[in-house]
N, C-alpha and C. Protein backbone atom coordinates (compact mmCIF):
# COMPACT_ATOMS: atom_id res chain seq x y z
N MET A 1 140.70 73.46 95.06
CA MET A 1 139.41 73.49 94.65
C MET A 1 139.05 72.17 94.21
N THR A 2 137.89 71.52 94.55
CA THR A 2 137.71 70.17 94.40
C THR A 2 136.88 70.13 92.76
N GLN A 3 137.34 69.22 92.03
CA GLN A 3 136.90 69.03 90.56
C GLN A 3 136.11 67.81 90.55
N VAL A 4 134.82 67.98 89.91
CA VAL A 4 133.73 66.86 89.78
C VAL A 4 133.41 66.93 88.28
N ALA A 5 133.12 65.64 87.69
CA ALA A 5 132.90 65.46 86.62
C ALA A 5 131.39 64.69 86.82
N ILE A 6 130.58 65.47 86.08
CA ILE A 6 129.27 64.96 85.89
C ILE A 6 128.64 64.72 84.50
N GLN A 7 127.58 63.91 84.30
CA GLN A 7 126.99 63.56 82.97
C GLN A 7 125.51 63.83 83.28
N LEU A 8 124.91 64.92 82.27
CA LEU A 8 123.52 65.08 82.57
C LEU A 8 122.66 64.55 81.49
N PRO A 9 121.72 64.08 81.60
CA PRO A 9 120.55 63.89 80.60
C PRO A 9 120.50 65.14 79.99
N ASP A 10 119.78 64.85 78.23
CA ASP A 10 120.04 65.76 77.47
C ASP A 10 119.13 67.02 77.69
N ASP A 11 118.10 66.72 78.52
CA ASP A 11 117.02 67.81 78.81
C ASP A 11 117.61 68.78 79.75
N LEU A 12 118.49 68.30 80.80
CA LEU A 12 119.10 69.01 81.84
C LEU A 12 120.17 69.59 81.09
N GLY A 13 121.00 69.15 80.42
CA GLY A 13 122.13 69.67 79.71
C GLY A 13 121.64 70.85 78.77
N GLN A 14 120.42 70.78 78.23
CA GLN A 14 119.85 72.09 77.30
C GLN A 14 119.58 73.03 78.25
N PHE A 15 118.86 72.78 79.42
CA PHE A 15 118.61 73.45 80.62
C PHE A 15 119.76 74.17 81.10
N LEU A 16 120.74 73.67 81.01
CA LEU A 16 122.12 74.36 82.01
C LEU A 16 122.52 75.40 80.52
N GLN A 17 122.59 74.96 79.46
CA GLN A 17 123.14 75.82 78.69
C GLN A 17 122.42 77.08 78.37
N ARG A 18 120.83 76.96 78.43
CA ARG A 18 119.86 78.01 78.27
C ARG A 18 120.09 78.92 79.63
N ALA A 19 120.49 78.26 80.70
CA ALA A 19 120.55 79.18 82.04
C ALA A 19 121.97 80.07 81.76
N VAL A 20 123.20 79.29 81.18
CA VAL A 20 124.36 80.16 81.03
C VAL A 20 124.15 81.05 79.84
N HIS A 21 123.76 80.67 78.92
CA HIS A 21 123.53 81.63 77.84
C HIS A 21 122.68 82.98 77.95
N SER A 22 121.52 82.61 78.71
CA SER A 22 120.76 83.59 79.12
C SER A 22 121.44 85.11 79.91
N GLY A 23 122.52 84.66 80.38
CA GLY A 23 123.17 85.91 81.13
C GLY A 23 123.19 85.51 82.54
N GLY A 24 122.52 84.83 83.13
CA GLY A 24 122.61 84.61 84.45
C GLY A 24 123.85 83.88 85.09
N PHE A 25 124.47 83.46 84.28
CA PHE A 25 125.90 82.51 84.74
C PHE A 25 127.01 82.74 83.62
N HIS A 26 128.34 83.01 84.28
CA HIS A 26 129.49 83.31 83.41
C HIS A 26 129.64 81.67 82.70
N ASP A 27 129.58 80.46 83.28
CA ASP A 27 129.71 79.39 82.77
C ASP A 27 129.07 78.36 83.46
N SER A 28 129.23 76.86 83.22
CA SER A 28 128.60 76.24 83.71
C SER A 28 129.02 75.91 85.10
N ASN A 29 130.43 75.78 85.28
CA ASN A 29 130.91 75.71 86.68
C ASN A 29 130.26 76.80 87.82
N GLU A 30 130.06 78.13 87.17
CA GLU A 30 129.37 79.10 88.07
C GLU A 30 128.13 78.69 88.25
N PHE A 31 127.42 77.96 87.46
CA PHE A 31 125.93 77.88 87.46
C PHE A 31 126.08 76.81 88.71
N PHE A 32 126.50 75.45 88.56
CA PHE A 32 126.85 74.76 89.70
C PHE A 32 127.26 75.25 91.06
N ILE A 33 128.34 76.01 91.17
CA ILE A 33 128.72 76.52 92.15
C ILE A 33 127.50 77.24 92.89
N SER A 34 126.83 77.86 92.01
CA SER A 34 125.73 78.55 92.63
C SER A 34 124.41 77.74 93.14
N ILE A 35 123.97 76.58 92.33
CA ILE A 35 123.18 75.63 92.88
C ILE A 35 123.56 75.01 94.41
N VAL A 36 124.74 74.65 94.07
CA VAL A 36 125.38 73.78 95.52
C VAL A 36 125.46 74.90 96.61
N ALA A 37 125.93 75.90 96.49
CA ALA A 37 126.10 76.93 97.59
C ALA A 37 124.49 77.33 97.97
N ASN A 38 123.63 77.04 97.19
CA ASN A 38 122.11 77.57 97.62
C ASN A 38 121.65 76.39 98.68
N LEU A 39 122.03 75.19 97.96
CA LEU A 39 121.67 74.18 98.82
C LEU A 39 122.08 73.82 100.00
N LYS A 40 123.52 74.26 100.11
CA LYS A 40 124.25 74.35 101.62
C LYS A 40 123.57 75.37 102.58
N GLU A 41 123.30 76.64 102.04
CA GLU A 41 122.72 77.23 102.80
C GLU A 41 121.30 77.11 103.36
N GLN A 42 120.73 76.35 102.27
CA GLN A 42 119.22 75.99 102.82
C GLN A 42 119.29 74.90 103.92
N THR A 43 120.29 74.02 103.77
CA THR A 43 120.23 72.82 104.42
C THR A 43 120.84 73.10 105.90
N GLU A 44 121.95 74.05 105.87
CA GLU A 44 122.89 74.17 107.14
C GLU A 44 122.10 75.69 108.07
N SER A 45 121.04 76.29 107.15
CA SER A 45 120.28 77.57 107.89
C SER A 45 118.85 77.01 108.05
N PRO A 46 118.83 76.59 109.72
CA PRO A 46 117.56 75.90 109.78
C PRO A 46 116.60 77.26 110.01
N LEU A 47 115.42 77.03 110.17
CA LEU A 47 114.21 78.10 110.18
C LEU A 47 114.48 78.80 111.75
N THR A 48 114.17 79.93 111.84
CA THR A 48 113.99 80.09 113.37
C THR A 48 112.56 79.69 113.85
N SER A 49 112.34 79.80 115.08
CA SER A 49 111.19 79.43 115.59
C SER A 49 110.08 80.24 115.10
N GLU A 50 110.06 81.19 115.02
CA GLU A 50 109.16 82.18 114.48
C GLU A 50 108.77 81.46 113.00
N GLU A 51 109.96 81.39 112.08
CA GLU A 51 109.32 80.91 110.64
C GLU A 51 108.63 79.35 110.98
N GLU A 52 109.25 78.79 111.82
CA GLU A 52 108.62 77.50 112.05
C GLU A 52 107.11 77.69 112.44
N LEU A 53 106.64 78.48 113.27
CA LEU A 53 105.48 78.49 113.72
C LEU A 53 104.55 79.06 112.35
N LYS A 54 105.23 79.80 111.56
CA LYS A 54 104.37 80.40 110.35
C LYS A 54 104.14 79.42 109.60
N LEU A 55 105.01 78.52 109.25
CA LEU A 55 105.35 77.50 108.19
C LEU A 55 104.14 76.34 108.99
N ALA A 56 104.15 76.04 109.96
CA ALA A 56 103.14 75.29 110.53
C ALA A 56 101.56 75.82 110.29
N SER A 57 101.72 76.93 110.58
CA SER A 57 100.29 77.52 110.50
C SER A 57 99.73 77.43 109.01
N LEU A 58 100.72 77.66 108.32
CA LEU A 58 100.42 77.82 106.44
C LEU A 58 100.09 76.34 106.36
N ARG A 59 100.94 75.15 106.88
CA ARG A 59 100.34 74.09 106.98
C ARG A 59 98.85 73.58 107.40
N VAL A 60 98.73 74.16 108.28
CA VAL A 60 97.25 73.82 108.71
C VAL A 60 96.07 74.48 107.83
N ASP A 61 96.34 75.66 107.43
CA ASP A 61 95.42 76.56 106.56
C ASP A 61 95.47 75.74 105.27
N ILE A 62 96.41 75.24 104.56
CA ILE A 62 96.55 74.64 103.47
C ILE A 62 95.55 73.40 103.65
N GLN A 63 96.07 72.37 104.73
CA GLN A 63 95.34 71.42 104.79
C GLN A 63 93.56 71.48 105.17
N HIS A 64 93.40 72.68 105.60
CA HIS A 64 91.57 73.01 105.93
C HIS A 64 91.40 73.27 104.53
N ALA A 65 92.02 73.91 103.58
CA ALA A 65 91.31 74.39 102.20
C ALA A 65 91.42 72.95 101.32
N VAL A 66 92.28 72.13 101.43
CA VAL A 66 92.39 70.86 100.66
C VAL A 66 91.32 69.93 101.16
N ASP A 67 91.16 70.15 102.53
CA ASP A 67 89.96 69.14 103.00
C ASP A 67 88.64 69.68 102.29
N GLN A 68 88.32 71.21 102.54
CA GLN A 68 86.87 71.96 101.99
C GLN A 68 86.98 71.42 100.39
N ALA A 69 88.14 71.33 99.74
CA ALA A 69 87.88 71.23 98.48
C ALA A 69 87.55 70.01 98.05
N GLU A 70 87.92 68.93 98.96
CA GLU A 70 87.92 67.32 98.91
C GLU A 70 86.34 67.16 99.37
N ARG A 71 85.74 67.94 100.03
CA ARG A 71 84.21 68.04 100.47
C ARG A 71 83.49 68.75 99.43
N GLY A 72 83.86 69.30 98.44
CA GLY A 72 83.15 69.94 97.42
C GLY A 72 82.89 71.29 97.85
N GLU A 73 83.60 72.03 98.85
CA GLU A 73 83.18 73.05 99.51
C GLU A 73 84.05 74.18 98.72
N VAL A 74 83.68 74.42 97.60
CA VAL A 74 84.50 75.50 96.64
C VAL A 74 83.65 76.48 95.82
N ILE A 75 84.09 77.47 96.15
CA ILE A 75 83.46 78.73 95.36
C ILE A 75 83.63 78.49 93.59
N ARG A 76 82.22 78.49 93.02
CA ARG A 76 82.39 78.01 91.89
C ARG A 76 82.40 79.55 91.05
N ASP A 77 82.94 79.67 89.80
CA ASP A 77 82.98 80.89 89.05
C ASP A 77 83.33 82.30 89.92
N PHE A 78 84.45 82.09 90.65
CA PHE A 78 85.23 82.90 91.65
C PHE A 78 85.59 84.31 90.65
N LYS A 79 85.23 85.39 90.82
CA LYS A 79 85.61 86.58 90.24
C LYS A 79 86.51 87.37 91.11
N MET A 80 87.91 87.34 91.03
CA MET A 80 88.84 87.85 91.88
C MET A 80 88.77 89.39 91.79
N ASP A 81 88.77 89.84 90.40
CA ASP A 81 88.55 91.69 90.14
C ASP A 81 87.52 91.97 91.12
N ALA A 82 86.42 91.26 90.98
CA ALA A 82 85.06 91.74 91.80
C ALA A 82 85.09 91.73 93.29
N PHE A 83 85.69 90.47 93.81
CA PHE A 83 85.97 90.19 94.91
C PHE A 83 86.87 91.27 95.47
N LEU A 84 88.00 91.81 94.71
CA LEU A 84 88.94 92.90 95.30
C LEU A 84 88.51 94.13 95.33
N GLU A 85 87.61 94.47 94.13
CA GLU A 85 86.88 95.72 94.05
C GLU A 85 86.01 95.78 95.31
N GLU A 86 85.19 94.76 95.78
CA GLU A 86 84.30 94.84 96.98
C GLU A 86 85.21 95.09 98.27
N ARG A 87 86.41 94.53 98.51
CA ARG A 87 86.96 94.61 99.57
C ARG A 87 87.44 96.22 99.65
N HIS A 88 88.05 96.34 98.28
CA HIS A 88 88.75 97.83 98.35
C HIS A 88 87.46 98.73 98.99
N ARG A 89 86.10 98.93 98.33
CA ARG A 89 84.96 99.66 98.59
C ARG A 89 84.85 99.49 100.30
N GLU A 90 84.81 98.20 100.97
CA GLU A 90 84.46 97.99 102.19
C GLU A 90 85.51 98.85 102.96
N HIS A 91 86.96 98.64 102.60
CA HIS A 91 87.96 99.42 103.42
C HIS A 91 87.91 100.67 103.35
N SER A 92 87.72 101.43 102.21
CA SER A 92 87.63 102.72 101.94
C SER A 92 86.21 103.43 102.87
N ALA A 93 85.22 102.44 102.85
CA ALA A 93 84.05 102.98 103.69
C ALA A 93 84.38 102.97 105.20
N ALA A 94 85.13 102.10 105.33
CA ALA A 94 85.66 101.97 106.92
C ALA A 94 86.59 103.16 107.38
N ASP A 95 87.67 103.39 106.39
CA ASP A 95 88.31 104.39 106.69
C ASP A 95 87.50 105.75 106.76
N ALA A 96 86.58 105.98 106.03
CA ALA A 96 86.05 107.18 105.90
C ALA A 96 84.93 107.34 107.06
N ALA A 97 84.41 106.30 107.83
CA ALA A 97 83.90 106.22 109.02
C ALA A 97 84.44 106.93 110.36
């Protein structure tokens, strides 16, 4: 097993201690092993072509929304609850028909 010594800034050291003490990790070694293993998996497991297409589509949608917002084309005082209730009524009416 490879041994590595690191120095952390105080705020990251405190974050590490909170993560270990919260019960998520047995000790700091387990914390870092988990982080490095996750990074290794992410970098060595490229996206599938289907995932790449979904990601590209999401990026287009996000850019479209950003462009609209920059042009001032945003909904003011949007009420999510009212919007969802209306969609639910429309869906229920369509099912009943």
